[in-house]
């Protein structure tokens, strides 16, 4: 099952556009799938650790997954904006 089918089409198109604009030369679909999968693994590890501190594991998983994905999307978006600004400034 392809994890990208779970995402809205507009979001995957924005990822692809930002990856091209950021100058990342990898396949966009593989890159996004790798980001999503690594986000799931890291969020699972965070929720496992936080469950030892009596913090609800499902809520910590969802919150950490959301924060990780937003952070990675913003990183790619800022890289793309920076590269576009350099090109336009020349």
N, C-alpha and C. Protein backbone atom coordinates (compact mmCIF):
# COMPACT_ATOMS: atom_id res chain seq x y z
N UNK A 1 0.84 -1.18 0.00
CA UNK A 1 0.00 0.00 0.00
C UNK A 1 0.88 1.24 0.00
N UNK A 2 0.58 2.14 -0.84
CA UNK A 2 1.33 3.38 -0.94
C UNK A 2 0.79 4.37 0.09
N UNK A 3 1.69 4.88 0.92
CA UNK A 3 1.28 5.79 2.00
C UNK A 3 0.80 7.13 1.45
N UNK A 4 1.21 7.46 0.24
CA UNK A 4 0.80 8.74 -0.34
C UNK A 4 -0.67 8.78 -0.71
N UNK A 5 -1.29 7.61 -0.85
CA UNK A 5 -2.71 7.59 -1.17
C UNK A 5 -3.56 8.03 0.03
N UNK A 6 -2.96 8.04 1.21
CA UNK A 6 -3.67 8.48 2.40
C UNK A 6 -3.68 10.01 2.52
N UNK A 7 -2.76 10.67 1.83
CA UNK A 7 -2.67 12.13 1.89
C UNK A 7 -3.54 12.77 0.84
N UNK A 8 -4.00 13.99 1.10
CA UNK A 8 -4.74 14.71 0.06
C UNK A 8 -3.84 15.00 -1.14
N UNK A 9 -4.44 14.96 -2.33
CA UNK A 9 -3.68 15.16 -3.57
C UNK A 9 -2.99 16.52 -3.60
N UNK A 10 -3.65 17.53 -3.09
CA UNK A 10 -3.08 18.89 -3.10
C UNK A 10 -1.81 18.95 -2.25
N UNK A 11 -1.80 18.24 -1.12
CA UNK A 11 -0.63 18.24 -0.26
C UNK A 11 0.56 17.57 -0.94
N UNK A 12 0.32 16.44 -1.61
CA UNK A 12 1.42 15.78 -2.30
C UNK A 12 1.92 16.62 -3.47
N UNK A 13 1.03 17.34 -4.14
CA UNK A 13 1.47 18.24 -5.22
C UNK A 13 2.32 19.38 -4.67
N UNK A 14 1.94 19.91 -3.52
CA UNK A 14 2.73 20.98 -2.90
C UNK A 14 4.10 20.47 -2.47
N UNK A 15 4.16 19.25 -1.93
CA UNK A 15 5.44 18.64 -1.58
C UNK A 15 6.32 18.54 -2.82
N UNK A 16 5.76 18.02 -3.91
CA UNK A 16 6.53 17.84 -5.14
C UNK A 16 7.04 19.18 -5.68
N UNK A 17 6.17 20.20 -5.66
CA UNK A 17 6.56 21.52 -6.15
C UNK A 17 7.67 22.11 -5.28
N UNK A 18 7.54 21.99 -3.96
CA UNK A 18 8.56 22.53 -3.06
C UNK A 18 9.88 21.79 -3.17
N UNK A 19 9.82 20.48 -3.41
CA UNK A 19 11.06 19.72 -3.57
C UNK A 19 11.82 20.16 -4.82
N UNK A 20 11.08 20.39 -5.89
CA UNK A 20 11.70 20.87 -7.13
C UNK A 20 12.29 22.25 -6.91
N UNK A 21 11.52 23.13 -6.27
CA UNK A 21 11.99 24.49 -6.03
C UNK A 21 13.15 24.54 -5.04
N UNK A 22 13.22 23.58 -4.13
CA UNK A 22 14.31 23.54 -3.15
C UNK A 22 15.58 22.96 -3.76
N UNK A 23 15.47 22.34 -4.93
CA UNK A 23 16.64 21.78 -5.58
C UNK A 23 16.98 20.38 -5.12
N UNK A 24 16.05 19.70 -4.48
CA UNK A 24 16.27 18.32 -4.04
C UNK A 24 16.03 17.41 -5.23
N UNK A 25 17.03 16.62 -5.58
CA UNK A 25 17.02 15.86 -6.83
C UNK A 25 16.43 14.45 -6.72
N UNK A 26 15.91 14.08 -5.56
CA UNK A 26 15.36 12.74 -5.42
C UNK A 26 13.93 12.69 -5.96
N UNK A 27 13.41 11.48 -6.11
CA UNK A 27 12.03 11.29 -6.55
C UNK A 27 11.10 11.80 -5.45
N UNK A 28 10.18 12.66 -5.82
CA UNK A 28 9.33 13.32 -4.83
C UNK A 28 8.46 12.34 -4.07
N UNK A 29 7.90 11.37 -4.76
CA UNK A 29 7.01 10.42 -4.09
C UNK A 29 7.76 9.56 -3.09
N UNK A 30 8.97 9.14 -3.43
CA UNK A 30 9.77 8.35 -2.50
C UNK A 30 10.21 9.20 -1.30
N UNK A 31 10.54 10.45 -1.57
CA UNK A 31 10.99 11.34 -0.50
C UNK A 31 9.86 11.58 0.51
N UNK A 32 8.67 11.85 0.00
CA UNK A 32 7.53 12.10 0.89
C UNK A 32 7.17 10.83 1.65
N UNK A 33 7.20 9.68 0.98
CA UNK A 33 6.90 8.42 1.66
C UNK A 33 7.92 8.14 2.75
N UNK A 34 9.18 8.45 2.49
CA UNK A 34 10.23 8.24 3.50
C UNK A 34 10.04 9.19 4.68
N UNK A 35 9.63 10.42 4.41
CA UNK A 35 9.36 11.38 5.49
C UNK A 35 8.19 10.89 6.35
N UNK A 36 7.14 10.44 5.70
CA UNK A 36 5.97 9.97 6.44
C UNK A 36 6.30 8.75 7.29
N UNK A 37 7.04 7.80 6.71
CA UNK A 37 7.37 6.58 7.44
C UNK A 37 8.31 6.87 8.60
N UNK A 38 9.31 7.72 8.37
CA UNK A 38 10.22 8.05 9.47
C UNK A 38 9.49 8.84 10.55
N UNK A 39 8.53 9.68 10.16
CA UNK A 39 7.72 10.39 11.13
C UNK A 39 6.90 9.45 11.99
N UNK A 40 6.37 8.41 11.36
CA UNK A 40 5.62 7.40 12.12
C UNK A 40 6.51 6.68 13.13
N UNK A 41 7.71 6.30 12.70
CA UNK A 41 8.61 5.59 13.60
C UNK A 41 9.06 6.46 14.77
N UNK A 42 9.44 7.69 14.48
CA UNK A 42 9.89 8.60 15.54
C UNK A 42 8.74 8.92 16.49
N UNK A 43 7.55 9.11 15.96
CA UNK A 43 6.39 9.40 16.81
C UNK A 43 6.06 8.20 17.69
N UNK A 44 6.20 7.01 17.15
CA UNK A 44 5.98 5.81 17.96
C UNK A 44 6.99 5.73 19.10
N UNK A 45 8.25 6.01 18.80
CA UNK A 45 9.28 5.98 19.84
C UNK A 45 9.02 7.04 20.90
N UNK A 46 8.62 8.22 20.47
CA UNK A 46 8.32 9.30 21.43
C UNK A 46 7.13 8.92 22.32
N UNK A 47 6.10 8.36 21.72
CA UNK A 47 4.93 7.97 22.51
C UNK A 47 5.27 6.83 23.47
N UNK A 48 6.16 5.96 23.06
CA UNK A 48 6.58 4.87 23.94
C UNK A 48 7.34 5.41 25.15
N UNK A 49 8.24 6.34 24.91
CA UNK A 49 9.01 6.93 26.01
C UNK A 49 8.09 7.73 26.93
N UNK A 50 7.19 8.52 26.34
CA UNK A 50 6.31 9.34 27.17
C UNK A 50 5.28 8.52 27.93
N UNK A 51 4.99 7.32 27.47
CA UNK A 51 4.05 6.47 28.20
C UNK A 51 4.63 6.03 29.55
N UNK A 52 5.96 6.00 29.66
CA UNK A 52 6.59 5.68 30.95
C UNK A 52 6.40 6.81 31.96
N UNK A 53 6.14 8.01 31.48
CA UNK A 53 5.90 9.17 32.34
C UNK A 53 4.42 9.43 32.55
N UNK A 54 3.60 8.42 32.27
CA UNK A 54 2.15 8.46 32.47
C UNK A 54 1.46 9.51 31.59
N UNK A 55 2.00 9.74 30.40
CA UNK A 55 1.37 10.61 29.42
C UNK A 55 0.67 9.73 28.40
N UNK A 56 -0.54 10.07 28.05
CA UNK A 56 -1.36 9.25 27.17
C UNK A 56 -0.61 8.96 25.86
N UNK A 57 -0.37 7.68 25.53
CA UNK A 57 0.44 7.37 24.35
C UNK A 57 -0.19 7.74 23.01
N UNK A 58 -1.49 7.63 22.88
CA UNK A 58 -2.13 7.95 21.60
C UNK A 58 -2.06 9.45 21.34
N UNK A 59 -2.34 10.23 22.37
CA UNK A 59 -2.27 11.68 22.19
C UNK A 59 -0.84 12.14 21.92
N UNK A 60 0.12 11.56 22.62
CA UNK A 60 1.52 11.94 22.39
C UNK A 60 1.97 11.51 21.00
N UNK A 61 1.49 10.36 20.52
CA UNK A 61 1.82 9.92 19.17
C UNK A 61 1.28 10.89 18.12
N UNK A 62 -0.01 11.23 18.25
CA UNK A 62 -0.63 12.13 17.28
C UNK A 62 0.01 13.51 17.31
N UNK A 63 0.26 14.04 18.50
CA UNK A 63 0.85 15.36 18.62
C UNK A 63 2.28 15.38 18.05
N UNK A 64 3.08 14.38 18.40
CA UNK A 64 4.46 14.36 17.91
C UNK A 64 4.50 14.13 16.40
N UNK A 65 3.61 13.29 15.87
CA UNK A 65 3.58 13.07 14.43
C UNK A 65 3.21 14.36 13.70
N UNK A 66 2.24 15.07 14.21
CA UNK A 66 1.82 16.34 13.61
C UNK A 66 2.96 17.36 13.64
N UNK A 67 3.62 17.48 14.76
CA UNK A 67 4.72 18.44 14.90
C UNK A 67 5.88 18.08 13.97
N UNK A 68 6.21 16.81 13.88
CA UNK A 68 7.30 16.38 13.00
C UNK A 68 6.97 16.67 11.55
N UNK A 69 5.77 16.34 11.12
CA UNK A 69 5.39 16.55 9.73
C UNK A 69 5.32 18.03 9.37
N UNK A 70 4.78 18.84 10.25
CA UNK A 70 4.73 20.28 10.00
C UNK A 70 6.14 20.85 9.94
N UNK A 71 6.99 20.41 10.86
CA UNK A 71 8.37 20.89 10.86
C UNK A 71 9.13 20.53 9.60
N UNK A 72 8.97 19.30 9.13
CA UNK A 72 9.66 18.89 7.91
C UNK A 72 9.10 19.60 6.68
N UNK A 73 7.79 19.80 6.65
CA UNK A 73 7.19 20.53 5.53
C UNK A 73 7.67 21.97 5.51
N UNK A 74 7.73 22.59 6.68
CA UNK A 74 8.20 23.98 6.75
C UNK A 74 9.67 24.08 6.35
N UNK A 75 10.46 23.10 6.72
CA UNK A 75 11.88 23.09 6.34
C UNK A 75 12.03 23.07 4.82
N UNK A 76 11.29 22.18 4.16
CA UNK A 76 11.35 22.09 2.70
C UNK A 76 10.81 23.37 2.07
N UNK A 77 9.73 23.89 2.63
CA UNK A 77 9.14 25.11 2.09
C UNK A 77 10.10 26.29 2.23
N UNK A 78 10.79 26.41 3.35
CA UNK A 78 11.74 27.50 3.54
C UNK A 78 12.96 27.35 2.64
N UNK A 79 13.39 26.10 2.42
CA UNK A 79 14.50 25.87 1.49
C UNK A 79 14.11 26.32 0.08
N UNK A 80 12.88 26.00 -0.31
CA UNK A 80 12.40 26.39 -1.65
C UNK A 80 12.29 27.90 -1.75
N UNK A 81 11.75 28.54 -0.73
CA UNK A 81 11.61 29.99 -0.76
C UNK A 81 12.96 30.68 -0.81
N UNK A 82 13.92 30.15 -0.07
CA UNK A 82 15.26 30.73 -0.07
C UNK A 82 15.92 30.61 -1.44
N UNK A 83 15.76 29.45 -2.05
CA UNK A 83 16.36 29.23 -3.37
C UNK A 83 15.69 30.12 -4.43
N UNK A 84 14.38 30.26 -4.36
CA UNK A 84 13.66 31.11 -5.31
C UNK A 84 14.09 32.57 -5.13
N UNK A 85 14.25 32.99 -3.87
CA UNK A 85 14.67 34.36 -3.60
C UNK A 85 16.06 34.63 -4.15
N UNK A 86 16.97 33.66 -4.06
CA UNK A 86 18.32 33.81 -4.61
C UNK A 86 18.26 33.93 -6.14
N UNK A 87 17.43 33.11 -6.76
CA UNK A 87 17.33 33.13 -8.22
C UNK A 87 16.74 34.45 -8.70
N UNK A 88 15.71 34.92 -8.02
CA UNK A 88 15.08 36.17 -8.42
C UNK A 88 15.98 37.38 -8.13
N UNK A 89 16.84 37.26 -7.15
CA UNK A 89 17.72 38.37 -6.80
C UNK A 89 18.88 38.55 -7.74
N UNK A 90 19.17 37.56 -8.54
CA UNK A 90 20.31 37.64 -9.47
C UNK A 90 19.98 38.39 -10.67
